[in-house]
């Protein structure tokens, strides 16, 4: 018996975006929820992880986002959550 193998791999299009962890300050504890933090991450890039364990233990939210250029993440961003600014 003779076995034959062929190496195959799908070609991926595009390029891998850098992922960065971002701390989000200024969101009151009652509003520091998963969906709110996910939405804030989406304003910066593509949200990948919302670290609720760290968020619950601290005065900030922690999210991981994929961005085109981490140097372009703004230091400040105005957001509206529900009816609150």
C-alpha atoms as a PDB file:
ATOM      1  CA  UNK A   1       0.000   0.000   0.000  1.00  0.00           C
ATOM      2  CA  UNK A   2       1.319   3.415  -0.878  1.00  0.00           C
ATOM      3  CA  UNK A   3       0.052   6.561   0.898  1.00  0.00           C
ATOM      4  CA  UNK A   4       0.292   9.920  -0.730  1.00  0.00           C
ATOM      5  CA  UNK A   5       0.041  13.308   0.995  1.00  0.00           C
ATOM      6  CA  UNK A   6      -0.492  16.807  -0.281  1.00  0.00           C
ATOM      7  CA  UNK A   7       0.236  19.917   1.793  1.00  0.00           C
ATOM      8  CA  UNK A   8      -2.662  22.335   1.706  1.00  0.00           C
ATOM      9  CA  UNK A   9      -3.474  25.569   3.489  1.00  0.00           C
ATOM     10  CA  UNK A  10      -6.082  28.236   2.913  1.00  0.00           C
ATOM     11  CA  UNK A  11      -4.654  31.564   1.938  1.00  0.00           C
ATOM     12  CA  UNK A  12      -5.815  34.220   4.375  1.00  0.00           C
ATOM     13  CA  UNK A  13      -6.724  37.589   2.964  1.00  0.00           C
ATOM     14  CA  UNK A  14      -5.908  40.817   4.735  1.00  0.00           C
ATOM     15  CA  UNK A  15      -3.496  41.222   7.614  1.00  0.00           C
ATOM     16  CA  UNK A  16      -3.557  40.575  11.313  1.00  0.00           C
ATOM     17  CA  UNK A  17      -4.506  43.623  13.374  1.00  0.00           C
ATOM     18  CA  UNK A  18      -2.611  44.337  16.585  1.00  0.00           C
ATOM     19  CA  UNK A  19      -4.613  43.662  19.758  1.00  0.00           C
ATOM     20  CA  UNK A  20      -4.216  46.006  22.716  1.00  0.00           C
ATOM     21  CA  UNK A  21      -5.645  46.141  26.227  1.00  0.00           C
ATOM     22  CA  UNK A  22      -7.392  49.411  27.051  1.00  0.00           C
ATOM     23  CA  UNK A  23      -8.415  50.709  30.459  1.00  0.00           C
ATOM     24  CA  UNK A  24     -11.618  52.751  30.394  1.00  0.00           C
ATOM     25  CA  UNK A  25     -11.963  55.309  33.171  1.00  0.00           C
ATOM     26  CA  UNK A  26     -14.887  57.593  33.937  1.00  0.00           C
ATOM     27  CA  UNK A  27     -17.740  55.091  33.643  1.00  0.00           C
ATOM     28  CA  UNK A  28     -19.758  54.904  36.850  1.00  0.00           C
ATOM     29  CA  UNK A  29     -19.830  51.484  38.492  1.00  0.00           C
ATOM     30  CA  UNK A  30     -23.537  50.986  37.764  1.00  0.00           C
ATOM     31  CA  UNK A  31     -22.813  51.480  34.017  1.00  0.00           C
ATOM     32  CA  UNK A  32     -19.628  49.375  33.954  1.00  0.00           C
ATOM     33  CA  UNK A  33     -21.393  46.397  32.375  1.00  0.00           C
ATOM     34  CA  UNK A  34     -20.295  43.942  29.694  1.00  0.00           C
ATOM     35  CA  UNK A  35     -22.401  45.362  26.845  1.00  0.00           C
ATOM     36  CA  UNK A  36     -21.498  48.978  27.626  1.00  0.00           C
ATOM     37  CA  UNK A  37     -17.783  48.180  27.649  1.00  0.00           C
ATOM     38  CA  UNK A  38     -18.143  46.107  24.461  1.00  0.00           C
ATOM     39  CA  UNK A  39     -19.771  49.132  22.769  1.00  0.00           C
ATOM     40  CA  UNK A  40     -16.961  51.446  23.925  1.00  0.00           C
ATOM     41  CA  UNK A  41     -14.418  48.987  22.522  1.00  0.00           C
ATOM     42  CA  UNK A  42     -16.286  48.984  19.217  1.00  0.00           C
ATOM     43  CA  UNK A  43     -15.837  52.751  19.064  1.00  0.00           C
ATOM     44  CA  UNK A  44     -12.080  52.215  19.167  1.00  0.00           C
ATOM     45  CA  UNK A  45     -11.765  49.157  16.919  1.00  0.00           C
ATOM     46  CA  UNK A  46     -12.919  45.547  16.991  1.00  0.00           C
ATOM     47  CA  UNK A  47     -13.683  44.404  20.542  1.00  0.00           C
ATOM     48  CA  UNK A  48     -12.312  40.934  21.335  1.00  0.00           C
ATOM     49  CA  UNK A  49     -12.489  40.557  25.122  1.00  0.00           C
ATOM     50  CA  UNK A  50     -14.184  42.394  27.976  1.00  0.00           C
ATOM     51  CA  UNK A  51     -12.353  41.503  31.191  1.00  0.00           C
ATOM     52  CA  UNK A  52     -15.199  41.658  33.693  1.00  0.00           C
ATOM     53  CA  UNK A  53     -13.165  40.028  36.473  1.00  0.00           C
ATOM     54  CA  UNK A  54     -10.645  42.888  36.479  1.00  0.00           C
ATOM     55  CA  UNK A  55     -13.384  45.452  35.845  1.00  0.00           C
ATOM     56  CA  UNK A  56     -15.338  44.393  38.942  1.00  0.00           C
ATOM     57  CA  UNK A  57     -12.239  44.650  41.153  1.00  0.00           C
ATOM     58  CA  UNK A  58     -11.160  48.116  39.984  1.00  0.00           C
ATOM     59  CA  UNK A  59     -12.357  51.614  39.207  1.00  0.00           C
ATOM     60  CA  UNK A  60     -11.921  51.103  35.457  1.00  0.00           C
ATOM     61  CA  UNK A  61     -13.156  48.832  32.703  1.00  0.00           C
ATOM     62  CA  UNK A  62     -10.674  46.614  30.846  1.00  0.00           C
ATOM     63  CA  UNK A  63     -11.190  45.648  27.223  1.00  0.00           C
ATOM     64  CA  UNK A  64      -9.081  44.138  24.463  1.00  0.00           C
ATOM     65  CA  UNK A  65      -9.518  45.624  21.013  1.00  0.00           C
ATOM     66  CA  UNK A  66      -7.949  45.016  17.621  1.00  0.00           C
ATOM     67  CA  UNK A  67      -7.015  48.308  15.965  1.00  0.00           C
ATOM     68  CA  UNK A  68      -5.263  49.491  12.829  1.00  0.00           C
ATOM     69  CA  UNK A  69      -2.787  51.589  14.794  1.00  0.00           C
ATOM     70  CA  UNK A  70      -2.601  51.540  18.620  1.00  0.00           C
ATOM     71  CA  UNK A  71      -1.007  55.003  18.583  1.00  0.00           C
ATOM     72  CA  UNK A  72      -4.279  56.446  17.235  1.00  0.00           C
ATOM     73  CA  UNK A  73      -6.392  55.407  20.241  1.00  0.00           C
ATOM     74  CA  UNK A  74      -7.661  58.687  21.696  1.00  0.00           C
ATOM     75  CA  UNK A  75      -6.840  59.642  25.294  1.00  0.00           C
ATOM     76  CA  UNK A  76     -10.403  60.953  25.753  1.00  0.00           C
ATOM     77  CA  UNK A  77     -13.698  60.036  24.116  1.00  0.00           C
ATOM     78  CA  UNK A  78     -17.179  61.398  24.775  1.00  0.00           C
ATOM     79  CA  UNK A  79     -19.902  58.724  24.827  1.00  0.00           C
ATOM     80  CA  UNK A  80     -23.612  58.494  25.529  1.00  0.00           C
ATOM     81  CA  UNK A  81     -24.865  55.398  27.396  1.00  0.00           C
ATOM     82  CA  UNK A  82     -28.641  55.242  27.324  1.00  0.00           C
ATOM     83  CA  UNK A  83     -29.587  58.824  28.082  1.00  0.00           C
ATOM     84  CA  UNK A  84     -26.448  59.612  30.068  1.00  0.00           C
ATOM     85  CA  UNK A  85     -23.442  61.542  28.735  1.00  0.00           C
END
